[in-house]
Amino acid sequence: MSIFSAVAALLSAVAFQPFASGFDAPLDVAAPRSEPGVVYVVEQGGEIWRLRNGARDTTPFLDVRSSISAGGERGLLSVAFDPNYAKNRFFYVDYTDTNGDTRVVRYRSDGDHALPGTATQLLFVKQPYSNHNGGQLQFGPDGYLYVGMGDGGSGGDPQNRSQNLKSRLGKLLRYKSGRWQIAAYGLRNPWRFSFDRATGALWIGDVGQNEWEEVDTVKRGFGLTNFGWRVWEGRSRYTPGQTPNRAGKLVFPVWVYRHGDDGCSITGGYVYRGTAVPAMRGRYVFGDYCSGKVWSYFGGNVTQIASVPELTSFGEDSAGELYAVSQGGSIFKLAAA
């Protein structure tokens, strides 16, 4: 048996098993490092629910339904907990407001529920179209809060915003000490991205246009980076004759797949660092919303390990165990089959 056959056989004993259900269009799962056995589920319509050992609280942790527009690619899109959440109780949400514009807002909680009066807006970005809102929030190993911003929508980035450093659209932004910076650009719609909790490397699933979906990664401590859109879609030219903005280093994806049987809209994931499935440690797990396929990537090789319908997101708990989110209402947890 070849090493590749052996790896495939090992990964065939892996599955995303049902964990919780009954949610209304869930889009994200997250957890503070200080709360073992707890995860928070974000619903597109504007509520966040806390689950303790799989059991949902009777009332939502946060309710911003009156502040948002939801449907399509809009809504309450993600939550991130401050690295010092156990002490300061800060958490952050990304949503599209009633006009469809992006807002990143910080709240405090009392440990059980959000305190509505503590809402502090950190970022406002006008959205020219209804799609490509990005929406992922993550804290990086440098302590910055990162947010993924799509190129503004429509198709083909008609105003060339992703390569324009005067625009916040088509960017990966980071925030610290009251200031936003551009960390990366040339992104079409980085719907989901993450940082490897062991190495600090950044991984992005950037949704493609007509043909290609892509996985991008850069090491911890990366400088200003250009991921290529709209000059490039995946590793293929999209806009002939356009020169990439040379302010940052041009980085090409480590993996691409063509639209078709494998899907049409990538859902970025995480490098698995849990302990429940040793065979998966160090492997990047991602999938596709259209096909529901879930893959494991390592060293340039990809193996399908599962299928999750309407796959909108992945998430980690405090121990690094991995969850998958189905927009149909269910949460799944990675486990040995």
C-alpha atoms as a PDB file:
ATOM      1  CA  MET A   1       0.000   0.000   0.000  1.00  0.00           C
ATOM      2  CA  SER A   2       1.350   3.465  -0.953  1.00  0.00           C
ATOM      3  CA  ILE A   3       1.659   6.246   1.594  1.00  0.00           C
ATOM      4  CA  PHE A   4      -1.195   8.082  -0.137  1.00  0.00           C
ATOM      5  CA  SER A   5      -3.443   5.012   0.059  1.00  0.00           C
ATOM      6  CA  ALA A   6      -2.553   4.625   3.724  1.00  0.00           C
ATOM      7  CA  VAL A   7      -3.452   8.247   4.464  1.00  0.00           C
ATOM      8  CA  ALA A   8      -6.730   7.924   2.560  1.00  0.00           C
ATOM      9  CA  ALA A   9      -7.607   4.801   4.524  1.00  0.00           C
ATOM     10  CA  LEU A  10      -6.823   6.549   7.801  1.00  0.00           C
ATOM     11  CA  LEU A  11      -8.944   9.563   6.912  1.00  0.00           C
ATOM     12  CA  SER A  12     -11.857   7.387   5.833  1.00  0.00           C
ATOM     13  CA  ALA A  13     -12.385   6.659   9.528  1.00  0.00           C
ATOM     14  CA  VAL A  14     -13.258  10.324  10.155  1.00  0.00           C
ATOM     15  CA  ALA A  15     -16.733  11.887  10.178  1.00  0.00           C
ATOM     16  CA  PHE A  16     -18.643  15.017  11.113  1.00  0.00           C
ATOM     17  CA  GLN A  17     -21.241  13.658  13.520  1.00  0.00           C
ATOM     18  CA  PRO A  18     -24.465  15.461  14.560  1.00  0.00           C
ATOM     19  CA  PHE A  19     -23.891  17.746  17.550  1.00  0.00           C
ATOM     20  CA  ALA A  20     -26.881  20.132  17.754  1.00  0.00           C
ATOM     21  CA  SER A  21     -29.847  21.096  15.577  1.00  0.00           C
ATOM     22  CA  GLY A  22     -32.906  23.305  15.368  1.00  0.00           C
ATOM     23  CA  PHE A  23     -31.137  26.556  14.496  1.00  0.00           C
ATOM     24  CA  ASP A  24     -32.428  29.144  12.030  1.00  0.00           C
ATOM     25  CA  ALA A  25     -29.869  29.606   9.216  1.00  0.00           C
ATOM     26  CA  PRO A  26     -26.707  29.248  11.348  1.00  0.00           C
ATOM     27  CA  LEU A  27     -23.600  30.826   9.835  1.00  0.00           C
ATOM     28  CA  ASP A  28     -20.838  30.553  12.430  1.00  0.00           C
ATOM     29  CA  VAL A  29     -19.577  28.720  15.513  1.00  0.00           C
ATOM     30  CA  ALA A  30     -17.012  30.176  17.926  1.00  0.00           C
ATOM     31  CA  ALA A  31     -15.883  29.926  21.536  1.00  0.00           C
ATOM     32  CA  PRO A  32     -13.624  31.768  23.972  1.00  0.00           C
ATOM     33  CA  ARG A  33     -10.545  29.802  25.075  1.00  0.00           C
ATOM     34  CA  SER A  34     -11.671  30.247  28.706  1.00  0.00           C
ATOM     35  CA  GLU A  35     -14.926  28.239  28.452  1.00  0.00           C
ATOM     36  CA  PRO A  36     -14.440  24.465  28.089  1.00  0.00           C
ATOM     37  CA  GLY A  37     -17.475  22.618  26.784  1.00  0.00           C
ATOM     38  CA  VAL A  38     -19.091  25.804  25.452  1.00  0.00           C
ATOM     39  CA  VAL A  39     -19.717  26.976  21.889  1.00  0.00           C
ATOM     40  CA  TYR A  40     -21.679  29.909  20.511  1.00  0.00           C
ATOM     41  CA  VAL A  41     -23.803  29.589  17.361  1.00  0.00           C
ATOM     42  CA  VAL A  42     -24.496  32.630  15.168  1.00  0.00           C
ATOM     43  CA  GLU A  43     -27.800  32.755  13.292  1.00  0.00           C
ATOM     44  CA  GLN A  44     -28.033  34.839  10.127  1.00  0.00           C
ATOM     45  CA  GLY A  45     -31.228  36.490  11.348  1.00  0.00           C
ATOM     46  CA  GLY A  46     -29.480  38.220  14.258  1.00  0.00           C
ATOM     47  CA  GLU A  47     -29.251  35.958  17.308  1.00  0.00           C
ATOM     48  CA  ILE A  48     -26.330  34.185  19.000  1.00  0.00           C
ATOM     49  CA  TRP A  49     -26.989  31.103  21.133  1.00  0.00           C
ATOM     50  CA  ARG A  50     -24.728  29.576  23.771  1.00  0.00           C
ATOM     51  CA  LEU A  51     -24.479  25.799  24.007  1.00  0.00           C
ATOM     52  CA  ARG A  52     -23.063  24.157  27.109  1.00  0.00           C
ATOM     53  CA  ASN A  53     -22.106  20.515  26.524  1.00  0.00           C
ATOM     54  CA  GLY A  54     -24.432  20.537  23.530  1.00  0.00           C
ATOM     55  CA  ALA A  55     -27.461  21.983  25.368  1.00  0.00           C
ATOM     56  CA  ARG A  56     -28.767  25.360  24.237  1.00  0.00           C
ATOM     57  CA  ASP A  57     -29.563  28.128  26.721  1.00  0.00           C
ATOM     58  CA  THR A  58     -33.219  29.109  26.937  1.00  0.00           C
ATOM     59  CA  THR A  59     -32.585  32.718  25.864  1.00  0.00           C
ATOM     60  CA  PRO A  60     -30.175  34.091  23.256  1.00  0.00           C
ATOM     61  CA  PHE A  61     -26.754  35.371  24.275  1.00  0.00           C
ATOM     62  CA  LEU A  62     -27.202  38.306  21.856  1.00  0.00           C
ATOM     63  CA  ASP A  63     -30.184  39.582  19.877  1.00  0.00           C
ATOM     64  CA  VAL A  64     -29.557  42.252  17.212  1.00  0.00           C
ATOM     65  CA  ARG A  65     -32.454  41.356  14.915  1.00  0.00           C
ATOM     66  CA  SER A  66     -33.730  44.932  14.889  1.00  0.00           C
ATOM     67  CA  SER A  67     -30.334  46.296  13.778  1.00  0.00           C
ATOM     68  CA  ILE A  68     -29.626  44.156  10.731  1.00  0.00           C
ATOM     69  CA  SER A  69     -30.736  43.180   7.252  1.00  0.00           C
ATOM     70  CA  ALA A  70     -30.696  39.436   6.640  1.00  0.00           C
ATOM     71  CA  GLY A  71     -31.033  37.199   3.608  1.00  0.00           C
ATOM     72  CA  GLY A  72     -28.794  36.209   0.713  1.00  0.00           C
ATOM     73  CA  GLU A  73     -25.271  37.123   1.810  1.00  0.00           C
ATOM     74  CA  ARG A  74     -26.423  39.625   4.435  1.00  0.00           C
ATOM     75  CA  GLY A  75     -27.098  39.218   8.127  1.00  0.00           C
ATOM     76  CA  LEU A  76     -25.287  38.598  11.401  1.00  0.00           C
ATOM     77  CA  LEU A  77     -22.186  36.982   9.938  1.00  0.00           C
ATOM     78  CA  SER A  78     -19.754  36.067  12.737  1.00  0.00           C
ATOM     79  CA  VAL A  79     -18.620  36.506  16.325  1.00  0.00           C
ATOM     80  CA  ALA A  80     -15.143  36.628  17.884  1.00  0.00           C
ATOM     81  CA  PHE A  81     -14.214  36.610  21.554  1.00  0.00           C
ATOM     82  CA  ASP A  82     -11.456  38.757  22.956  1.00  0.00           C
ATOM     83  CA  PRO A  83      -8.348  36.730  23.927  1.00  0.00           C
ATOM     84  CA  ASN A  84      -8.828  38.206  27.417  1.00  0.00           C
ATOM     85  CA  TYR A  85     -12.587  37.512  27.458  1.00  0.00           C
ATOM     86  CA  ALA A  86     -12.485  35.810  30.869  1.00  0.00           C
ATOM     87  CA  LYS A  87     -11.514  39.171  32.406  1.00  0.00           C
ATOM     88  CA  ASN A  88     -12.802  41.932  30.146  1.00  0.00           C
ATOM     89  CA  ARG A  89     -15.888  40.127  28.727  1.00  0.00           C
ATOM     90  CA  PHE A  90     -15.439  41.776  25.309  1.00  0.00           C
ATOM     91  CA  PHE A  91     -16.733  40.118  22.168  1.00  0.00           C
ATOM     92  CA  TYR A  92     -17.150  41.369  18.609  1.00  0.00           C
ATOM     93  CA  VAL A  93     -19.733  40.863  15.874  1.00  0.00           C
ATOM     94  CA  ASP A  94     -19.850  41.597  12.150  1.00  0.00           C
ATOM     95  CA  TYR A  95     -23.220  42.295  10.549  1.00  0.00           C
ATOM     96  CA  THR A  96     -24.888  44.124   7.694  1.00  0.00           C
ATOM     97  CA  ASP A  97     -27.109  46.883   9.053  1.00  0.00           C
ATOM     98  CA  THR A  98     -30.619  47.786   7.899  1.00  0.00           C
ATOM     99  CA  ASN A  99     -29.119  49.587   4.880  1.00  0.00           C
ATOM    100  CA  GLY A 100     -26.929  46.603   3.994  1.00  0.00           C
ATOM    101  CA  ASP A 101     -23.674  48.222   5.110  1.00  0.00           C
ATOM    102  CA  THR A 102     -20.994  46.465   7.167  1.00  0.00           C
ATOM    103  CA  ARG A 103     -20.557  47.203  10.845  1.00  0.00           C
ATOM    104  CA  VAL A 104     -18.132  45.663  13.327  1.00  0.00           C
ATOM    105  CA  VAL A 105     -19.384  46.227  16.864  1.00  0.00           C
ATOM    106  CA  ARG A 106     -17.841  45.419  20.233  1.00  0.00           C
ATOM    107  CA  TYR A 107     -19.984  44.362  23.204  1.00  0.00           C
ATOM    108  CA  ARG A 108     -19.425  43.321  26.779  1.00  0.00           C
ATOM    109  CA  SER A 109     -21.266  40.470  28.420  1.00  0.00           C
ATOM    110  CA  ASP A 110     -22.048  39.656  32.032  1.00  0.00           C
ATOM    111  CA  GLY A 111     -20.783  36.139  31.410  1.00  0.00           C
ATOM    112  CA  ASP A 112     -24.229  34.853  30.444  1.00  0.00           C
ATOM    113  CA  HIS A 113     -25.681  37.455  28.087  1.00  0.00           C
ATOM    114  CA  ALA A 114     -24.576  40.471  26.081  1.00  0.00           C
ATOM    115  CA  LEU A 115     -25.095  43.891  27.657  1.00  0.00           C
ATOM    116  CA  PRO A 116     -26.838  45.888  24.872  1.00  0.00           C
ATOM    117  CA  GLY A 117     -25.831  49.252  26.313  1.00  0.00           C
ATOM    118  CA  THR A 118     -22.148  48.465  25.868  1.00  0.00           C
ATOM    119  CA  ALA A 119     -22.303  48.366  22.054  1.00  0.00           C
ATOM    120  CA  THR A 120     -19.374  50.271  20.524  1.00  0.00           C
ATOM    121  CA  GLN A 121     -18.985  50.541  16.765  1.00  0.00           C
ATOM    122  CA  LEU A 122     -15.403  49.906  15.608  1.00  0.00           C
ATOM    123  CA  LEU A 123     -15.856  49.817  11.848  1.00  0.00           C
ATOM    124  CA  PHE A 124     -18.362  51.028   9.264  1.00  0.00           C
ATOM    125  CA  VAL A 125     -17.966  50.234   5.557  1.00  0.00           C
ATOM    126  CA  LYS A 126     -20.462  51.322   2.942  1.00  0.00           C
ATOM    127  CA  GLN A 127     -21.481  48.395   0.717  1.00  0.00           C
ATOM    128  CA  PRO A 128     -22.222  49.270  -2.931  1.00  0.00           C
ATOM    129  CA  TYR A 129     -23.986  45.957  -3.670  1.00  0.00           C
ATOM    130  CA  SER A 130     -25.796  43.279  -1.672  1.00  0.00           C
ATOM    131  CA  ASN A 131     -23.249  40.495  -2.083  1.00  0.00           C
ATOM    132  CA  HIS A 132     -19.592  39.848  -1.206  1.00  0.00           C
ATOM    133  CA  ASN A 133     -19.784  41.204   2.319  1.00  0.00           C
ATOM    134  CA  GLY A 134     -17.053  38.951   3.745  1.00  0.00           C
ATOM    135  CA  GLY A 135     -17.885  38.953   7.434  1.00  0.00           C
ATOM    136  CA  GLN A 136     -15.404  36.734   9.264  1.00  0.00           C
ATOM    137  CA  LEU A 137     -13.884  38.005  12.521  1.00  0.00           C
ATOM    138  CA  GLN A 138     -10.810  36.354  14.036  1.00  0.00           C
ATOM    139  CA  PHE A 139      -8.100  37.326  16.483  1.00  0.00           C
ATOM    140  CA  GLY A 140      -4.616  36.752  15.128  1.00  0.00           C
ATOM    141  CA  PRO A 141      -1.559  35.559  17.037  1.00  0.00           C
ATOM    142  CA  ASP A 142      -0.382  39.196  17.103  1.00  0.00           C
ATOM    143  CA  GLY A 143      -3.404  40.216  19.205  1.00  0.00           C
ATOM    144  CA  TYR A 144      -5.048  42.152  16.369  1.00  0.00           C
ATOM    145  CA  LEU A 145      -8.712  41.702  15.488  1.00  0.00           C
ATOM    146  CA  TYR A 146      -8.994  40.754  11.803  1.00  0.00           C
ATOM    147  CA  VAL A 147     -12.018  41.126   9.537  1.00  0.00           C
ATOM    148  CA  GLY A 148     -12.479  39.865   5.986  1.00  0.00           C
ATOM    149  CA  MET A 149     -14.046  42.302   3.525  1.00  0.00           C
ATOM    150  CA  GLY A 150     -15.382  41.261   0.124  1.00  0.00           C
ATOM    151  CA  ASP A 151     -14.811  43.359  -2.975  1.00  0.00           C
ATOM    152  CA  GLY A 152     -18.184  45.092  -2.676  1.00  0.00           C
ATOM    153  CA  GLY A 153     -20.173  42.740  -4.868  1.00  0.00           C
ATOM    154  CA  SER A 154     -21.755  42.677  -8.288  1.00  0.00           C
ATOM    155  CA  GLY A 155     -19.480  40.532 -10.504  1.00  0.00           C
ATOM    156  CA  GLY A 156     -15.863  40.880 -11.571  1.00  0.00           C
ATOM    157  CA  ASP A 157     -15.112  43.724  -9.129  1.00  0.00           C
ATOM    158  CA  PRO A 158     -16.299  46.360 -11.638  1.00  0.00           C
ATOM    159  CA  GLN A 159     -14.708  49.286  -9.786  1.00  0.00           C
ATOM    160  CA  ASN A 160     -11.395  47.431  -9.190  1.00  0.00           C
ATOM    161  CA  ARG A 161     -11.687  47.927  -5.435  1.00  0.00           C
ATOM    162  CA  SER A 162      -9.653  44.882  -4.411  1.00  0.00           C
ATOM    163  CA  GLN A 163      -6.422  46.217  -5.912  1.00  0.00           C
ATOM    164  CA  ASN A 164      -7.095  49.778  -4.721  1.00  0.00           C
ATOM    165  CA  LEU A 165      -5.475  50.466  -1.343  1.00  0.00           C
ATOM    166  CA  LYS A 166      -7.681  53.526  -0.855  1.00  0.00           C
ATOM    167  CA  SER A 167     -10.689  51.222  -0.502  1.00  0.00           C
ATOM    168  CA  ARG A 168     -11.406  48.886   2.424  1.00  0.00           C
ATOM    169  CA  LEU A 169     -13.265  46.492   0.140  1.00  0.00           C
ATOM    170  CA  GLY A 170     -11.521  43.347  -1.071  1.00  0.00           C
ATOM    171  CA  LYS A 171      -9.221  43.474   1.956  1.00  0.00           C
ATOM    172  CA  LEU A 172      -8.201  41.722   5.120  1.00  0.00           C
ATOM    173  CA  LEU A 173      -8.255  44.462   7.767  1.00  0.00           C
ATOM    174  CA  ARG A 174      -6.799  44.380  11.265  1.00  0.00           C
ATOM    175  CA  TYR A 175      -7.568  46.492  14.298  1.00  0.00           C
ATOM    176  CA  LYS A 176      -5.627  47.380  17.420  1.00  0.00           C
ATOM    177  CA  SER A 177      -5.436  50.400  19.692  1.00  0.00           C
ATOM    178  CA  GLY A 178      -8.226  52.202  17.854  1.00  0.00           C
ATOM    179  CA  ARG A 179      -6.734  51.927  14.368  1.00  0.00           C
ATOM    180  CA  TRP A 180      -7.561  49.830  11.297  1.00  0.00           C
ATOM    181  CA  GLN A 181      -4.847  48.737   8.880  1.00  0.00           C
ATOM    182  CA  ILE A 182      -4.828  46.806   5.604  1.00  0.00           C
ATOM    183  CA  ALA A 183      -3.090  43.481   6.201  1.00  0.00           C
ATOM    184  CA  ALA A 184      -3.844  41.973   2.773  1.00  0.00           C
ATOM    185  CA  TYR A 185      -5.687  42.868  -0.425  1.00  0.00           C
ATOM    186  CA  GLY A 186      -6.647  41.319  -3.742  1.00  0.00           C
ATOM    187  CA  LEU A 187      -9.497  39.309  -2.206  1.00  0.00           C
ATOM    188  CA  ARG A 188     -12.850  38.665  -3.874  1.00  0.00           C
ATOM    189  CA  ASN A 189     -14.897  37.393  -0.946  1.00  0.00           C
ATOM    190  CA  PRO A 190     -12.897  35.882   1.944  1.00  0.00           C
ATOM    191  CA  TRP A 191     -16.063  34.460   3.490  1.00  0.00           C
ATOM    192  CA  ARG A 192     -14.141  32.349   6.008  1.00  0.00           C
ATOM    193  CA  PHE A 193     -10.519  32.542   7.184  1.00  0.00           C
ATOM    194  CA  SER A 194      -8.635  31.371  10.266  1.00  0.00           C
ATOM    195  CA  PHE A 195      -5.303  31.303  12.053  1.00  0.00           C
ATOM    196  CA  ASP A 196      -3.592  28.021  12.891  1.00  0.00           C
ATOM    197  CA  ARG A 197      -3.509  28.024  16.699  1.00  0.00           C
ATOM    198  CA  ALA A 198      -0.193  26.123  16.672  1.00  0.00           C
ATOM    199  CA  THR A 199       1.818  27.990  14.011  1.00  0.00           C
ATOM    200  CA  GLY A 200      -0.063  31.277  13.620  1.00  0.00           C
ATOM    201  CA  ALA A 201      -0.320  30.797   9.838  1.00  0.00           C
ATOM    202  CA  LEU A 202      -3.250  32.488   8.093  1.00  0.00           C
ATOM    203  CA  TRP A 203      -5.574  30.359   5.935  1.00  0.00           C
ATOM    204  CA  ILE A 204      -8.236  31.879   3.661  1.00  0.00           C
ATOM    205  CA  GLY A 205     -10.973  30.329   1.552  1.00  0.00           C
ATOM    206  CA  ASP A 206     -11.570  33.002  -1.102  1.00  0.00           C
ATOM    207  CA  VAL A 207     -14.765  32.533  -3.115  1.00  0.00           C
ATOM    208  CA  GLY A 208     -14.181  32.614  -6.866  1.00  0.00           C
ATOM    209  CA  GLN A 209     -15.960  34.222  -9.800  1.00  0.00           C
ATOM    210  CA  ASN A 210     -16.711  32.049 -12.831  1.00  0.00           C
ATOM    211  CA  GLU A 211     -14.322  29.119 -12.698  1.00  0.00           C
ATOM    212  CA  TRP A 212     -12.007  28.752  -9.689  1.00  0.00           C
ATOM    213  CA  GLU A 213     -12.222  28.462  -5.902  1.00  0.00           C
ATOM    214  CA  GLU A 214      -9.023  28.914  -3.936  1.00  0.00           C
ATOM    215  CA  VAL A 215      -7.202  28.262  -0.673  1.00  0.00           C
ATOM    216  CA  ASP A 216      -4.594  30.871   0.307  1.00  0.00           C
ATOM    217  CA  THR A 217      -2.098  30.723   3.141  1.00  0.00           C
ATOM    218  CA  VAL A 218       0.777  32.806   4.486  1.00  0.00           C
ATOM    219  CA  LYS A 219       3.045  32.259   7.474  1.00  0.00           C
ATOM    220  CA  ARG A 220       2.775  34.074  10.788  1.00  0.00           C
ATOM    221  CA  GLY A 221       4.273  37.549  10.640  1.00  0.00           C
ATOM    222  CA  PHE A 222       3.364  38.081   6.976  1.00  0.00           C
ATOM    223  CA  GLY A 223       3.760  41.560   5.561  1.00  0.00           C
ATOM    224  CA  LEU A 224       1.371  43.372   3.226  1.00  0.00           C
ATOM    225  CA  THR A 225       0.116  40.659   0.865  1.00  0.00           C
ATOM    226  CA  ASN A 226      -1.684  40.750  -2.485  1.00  0.00           C
ATOM    227  CA  PHE A 227      -3.794  37.651  -3.189  1.00  0.00           C
ATOM    228  CA  GLY A 228      -4.310  38.730  -6.802  1.00  0.00           C
ATOM    229  CA  TRP A 229      -8.019  39.360  -7.471  1.00  0.00           C
ATOM    230  CA  ARG A 230      -9.274  40.782  -9.905  1.00  0.00           C
ATOM    231  CA  VAL A 231      -6.118  40.327 -11.974  1.00  0.00           C
ATOM    232  CA  TRP A 232      -6.142  36.629 -11.125  1.00  0.00           C
ATOM    233  CA  GLU A 233      -8.898  34.160 -10.320  1.00  0.00           C
ATOM    234  CA  GLY A 234      -7.150  31.266  -8.653  1.00  0.00           C
ATOM    235  CA  ARG A 235      -4.029  30.723 -10.746  1.00  0.00           C
ATOM    236  CA  SER A 236      -5.674  31.889 -13.975  1.00  0.00           C
ATOM    237  CA  ARG A 237      -5.779  35.352 -15.509  1.00  0.00           C
ATOM    238  CA  TYR A 238      -9.139  37.035 -15.035  1.00  0.00           C
ATOM    239  CA  THR A 239      -8.470  40.582 -16.288  1.00  0.00           C
ATOM    240  CA  PRO A 240      -6.072  40.535 -19.256  1.00  0.00           C
ATOM    241  CA  GLY A 241      -3.701  43.457 -19.364  1.00  0.00           C
ATOM    242  CA  GLN A 242      -4.186  44.562 -15.756  1.00  0.00           C
ATOM    243  CA  THR A 243      -1.082  44.806 -13.601  1.00  0.00           C
ATOM    244  CA  PRO A 244      -1.361  43.838  -9.921  1.00  0.00           C
ATOM    245  CA  ASN A 245      -0.825  46.603  -7.380  1.00  0.00           C
ATOM    246  CA  ARG A 246       2.826  46.069  -6.422  1.00  0.00           C
ATOM    247  CA  ALA A 247       2.618  47.558  -2.917  1.00  0.00           C
ATOM    248  CA  GLY A 248       2.405  44.071  -1.394  1.00  0.00           C
ATOM    249  CA  LYS A 249       3.869  40.665  -2.173  1.00  0.00           C
ATOM    250  CA  LEU A 250       1.828  38.733  -4.727  1.00  0.00           C
ATOM    251  CA  VAL A 251       0.882  35.299  -3.331  1.00  0.00           C
ATOM    252  CA  PHE A 252      -0.820  32.564  -5.353  1.00  0.00           C
ATOM    253  CA  PRO A 253      -3.168  29.946  -3.840  1.00  0.00           C
ATOM    254  CA  VAL A 254      -1.836  26.626  -2.563  1.00  0.00           C
ATOM    255  CA  TRP A 255      -4.957  24.854  -3.807  1.00  0.00           C
ATOM    256  CA  VAL A 256      -7.621  25.562  -6.419  1.00  0.00           C
ATOM    257  CA  TYR A 257     -10.568  23.630  -7.780  1.00  0.00           C
ATOM    258  CA  ARG A 258     -12.733  24.276 -10.808  1.00  0.00           C
ATOM    259  CA  HIS A 259     -16.482  24.847 -10.625  1.00  0.00           C
ATOM    260  CA  GLY A 260     -18.350  21.627 -11.266  1.00  0.00           C
ATOM    261  CA  ASP A 261     -18.831  18.430  -9.317  1.00  0.00           C
ATOM    262  CA  ASP A 262     -16.614  19.681  -6.480  1.00  0.00           C
ATOM    263  CA  GLY A 263     -18.788  22.750  -5.992  1.00  0.00           C
ATOM    264  CA  CYS A 264     -18.916  26.464  -6.708  1.00  0.00           C
ATOM    265  CA  SER A 265     -18.390  28.381  -3.438  1.00  0.00           C
ATOM    266  CA  ILE A 266     -15.566  27.573  -1.034  1.00  0.00           C
ATOM    267  CA  THR A 267     -16.103  27.547   2.730  1.00  0.00           C
ATOM    268  CA  GLY A 268     -12.770  28.137   4.423  1.00  0.00           C
ATOM    269  CA  GLY A 269     -11.963  26.199   7.573  1.00  0.00           C
ATOM    270  CA  TYR A 270      -9.265  25.480  10.145  1.00  0.00           C
ATOM    271  CA  VAL A 271      -6.085  23.540  10.672  1.00  0.00           C
ATOM    272  CA  TYR A 272      -7.189  20.867  13.117  1.00  0.00           C
ATOM    273  CA  ARG A 273      -5.383  21.048  16.477  1.00  0.00           C
ATOM    274  CA  GLY A 274      -7.758  19.038  18.656  1.00  0.00           C
ATOM    275  CA  THR A 275      -7.071  15.678  20.268  1.00  0.00           C
ATOM    276  CA  ALA A 276     -10.224  13.678  19.492  1.00  0.00           C
ATOM    277  CA  VAL A 277      -9.023  12.650  15.999  1.00  0.00           C
ATOM    278  CA  PRO A 278      -5.201  12.266  16.029  1.00  0.00           C
ATOM    279  CA  ALA A 279      -5.080  11.381  12.315  1.00  0.00           C
ATOM    280  CA  MET A 280      -6.320  14.870  11.470  1.00  0.00           C
ATOM    281  CA  ARG A 281      -3.856  16.921  13.491  1.00  0.00           C
ATOM    282  CA  GLY A 282      -2.087  19.516  11.376  1.00  0.00           C
ATOM    283  CA  ARG A 283      -4.424  19.100   8.417  1.00  0.00           C
ATOM    284  CA  TYR A 284      -6.408  22.032   7.017  1.00  0.00           C
ATOM    285  CA  VAL A 285     -10.133  21.237   6.770  1.00  0.00           C
ATOM    286  CA  PHE A 286     -12.326  23.161   4.327  1.00  0.00           C
ATOM    287  CA  GLY A 287     -15.351  22.547   2.130  1.00  0.00           C
ATOM    288  CA  ASP A 288     -17.816  23.885  -0.411  1.00  0.00           C
ATOM    289  CA  TYR A 289     -21.276  25.333   0.148  1.00  0.00           C
ATOM    290  CA  CYS A 290     -22.705  24.149  -3.180  1.00  0.00           C
ATOM    291  CA  SER A 291     -21.567  20.517  -3.111  1.00  0.00           C
ATOM    292  CA  GLY A 292     -21.295  20.022   0.648  1.00  0.00           C
ATOM    293  CA  LYS A 293     -17.971  18.253   0.180  1.00  0.00           C
ATOM    294  CA  VAL A 294     -15.456  18.560   3.036  1.00  0.00           C
ATOM    295  CA  TRP A 295     -11.764  18.072   2.350  1.00  0.00           C
ATOM    296  CA  SER A 296      -8.534  17.657   4.284  1.00  0.00           C
ATOM    297  CA  TYR A 297      -5.425  19.404   2.901  1.00  0.00           C
ATOM    298  CA  PHE A 298      -1.820  18.704   3.845  1.00  0.00           C
ATOM    299  CA  GLY A 299       1.379  19.260   1.889  1.00  0.00           C
ATOM    300  CA  GLY A 300      -0.353  19.819  -1.429  1.00  0.00           C
ATOM    301  CA  ASN A 301      -2.586  16.737  -1.171  1.00  0.00           C
ATOM    302  CA  VAL A 302      -6.359  16.867  -0.704  1.00  0.00           C
ATOM    303  CA  THR A 303      -8.662  14.065   0.458  1.00  0.00           C
ATOM    304  CA  GLN A 304     -12.429  14.254   0.824  1.00  0.00           C
ATOM    305  CA  ILE A 305     -13.372  13.247   4.374  1.00  0.00           C
ATOM    306  CA  ALA A 306     -17.069  14.091   4.703  1.00  0.00           C
ATOM    307  CA  SER A 307     -20.152  15.780   3.297  1.00  0.00           C
ATOM    308  CA  VAL A 308     -22.192  18.482   5.044  1.00  0.00           C
ATOM    309  CA  PRO A 309     -25.203  19.982   3.217  1.00  0.00           C
ATOM    310  CA  GLU A 310     -25.390  23.783   2.872  1.00  0.00           C
ATOM    311  CA  LEU A 311     -21.957  24.111   4.465  1.00  0.00           C
ATOM    312  CA  THR A 312     -21.643  27.711   5.647  1.00  0.00           C
ATOM    313  CA  SER A 313     -18.800  27.626   8.157  1.00  0.00           C
ATOM    314  CA  PHE A 314     -16.418  25.789  10.454  1.00  0.00           C
ATOM    315  CA  GLY A 315     -15.535  26.656  14.038  1.00  0.00           C
ATOM    316  CA  GLU A 316     -13.319  25.654  16.962  1.00  0.00           C
ATOM    317  CA  ASP A 317     -14.053  25.221  20.649  1.00  0.00           C
ATOM    318  CA  SER A 318     -11.650  26.025  23.475  1.00  0.00           C
ATOM    319  CA  ALA A 319      -9.828  22.694  23.037  1.00  0.00           C
ATOM    320  CA  GLY A 320      -9.389  23.073  19.282  1.00  0.00           C
ATOM    321  CA  GLU A 321     -12.075  20.540  18.395  1.00  0.00           C
ATOM    322  CA  LEU A 322     -13.681  21.259  15.051  1.00  0.00           C
ATOM    323  CA  TYR A 323     -17.320  21.916  14.118  1.00  0.00           C
ATOM    324  CA  ALA A 324     -19.110  22.299  10.774  1.00  0.00           C
ATOM    325  CA  VAL A 325     -22.217  24.437  10.241  1.00  0.00           C
ATOM    326  CA  SER A 326     -25.106  23.659   7.916  1.00  0.00           C
ATOM    327  CA  GLN A 327     -27.357  26.556   6.968  1.00  0.00           C
ATOM    328  CA  GLY A 328     -30.206  24.057   7.133  1.00  0.00           C
ATOM    329  CA  GLY A 329     -30.027  24.294  10.922  1.00  0.00           C
ATOM    330  CA  SER A 330     -27.533  21.718  12.200  1.00  0.00           C
ATOM    331  CA  ILE A 331     -24.080  21.743  13.777  1.00  0.00           C
ATOM    332  CA  PHE A 332     -21.703  18.797  13.326  1.00  0.00           C
ATOM    333  CA  LYS A 333     -18.546  17.859  15.244  1.00  0.00           C
ATOM    334  CA  LEU A 334     -15.436  16.156  13.887  1.00  0.00           C
ATOM    335  CA  ALA A 335     -14.966  12.698  15.399  1.00  0.00           C
ATOM    336  CA  ALA A 336     -13.560   9.282  14.653  1.00  0.00           C
ATOM    337  CA  ALA A 337     -16.132   7.340  12.649  1.00  0.00           C
END
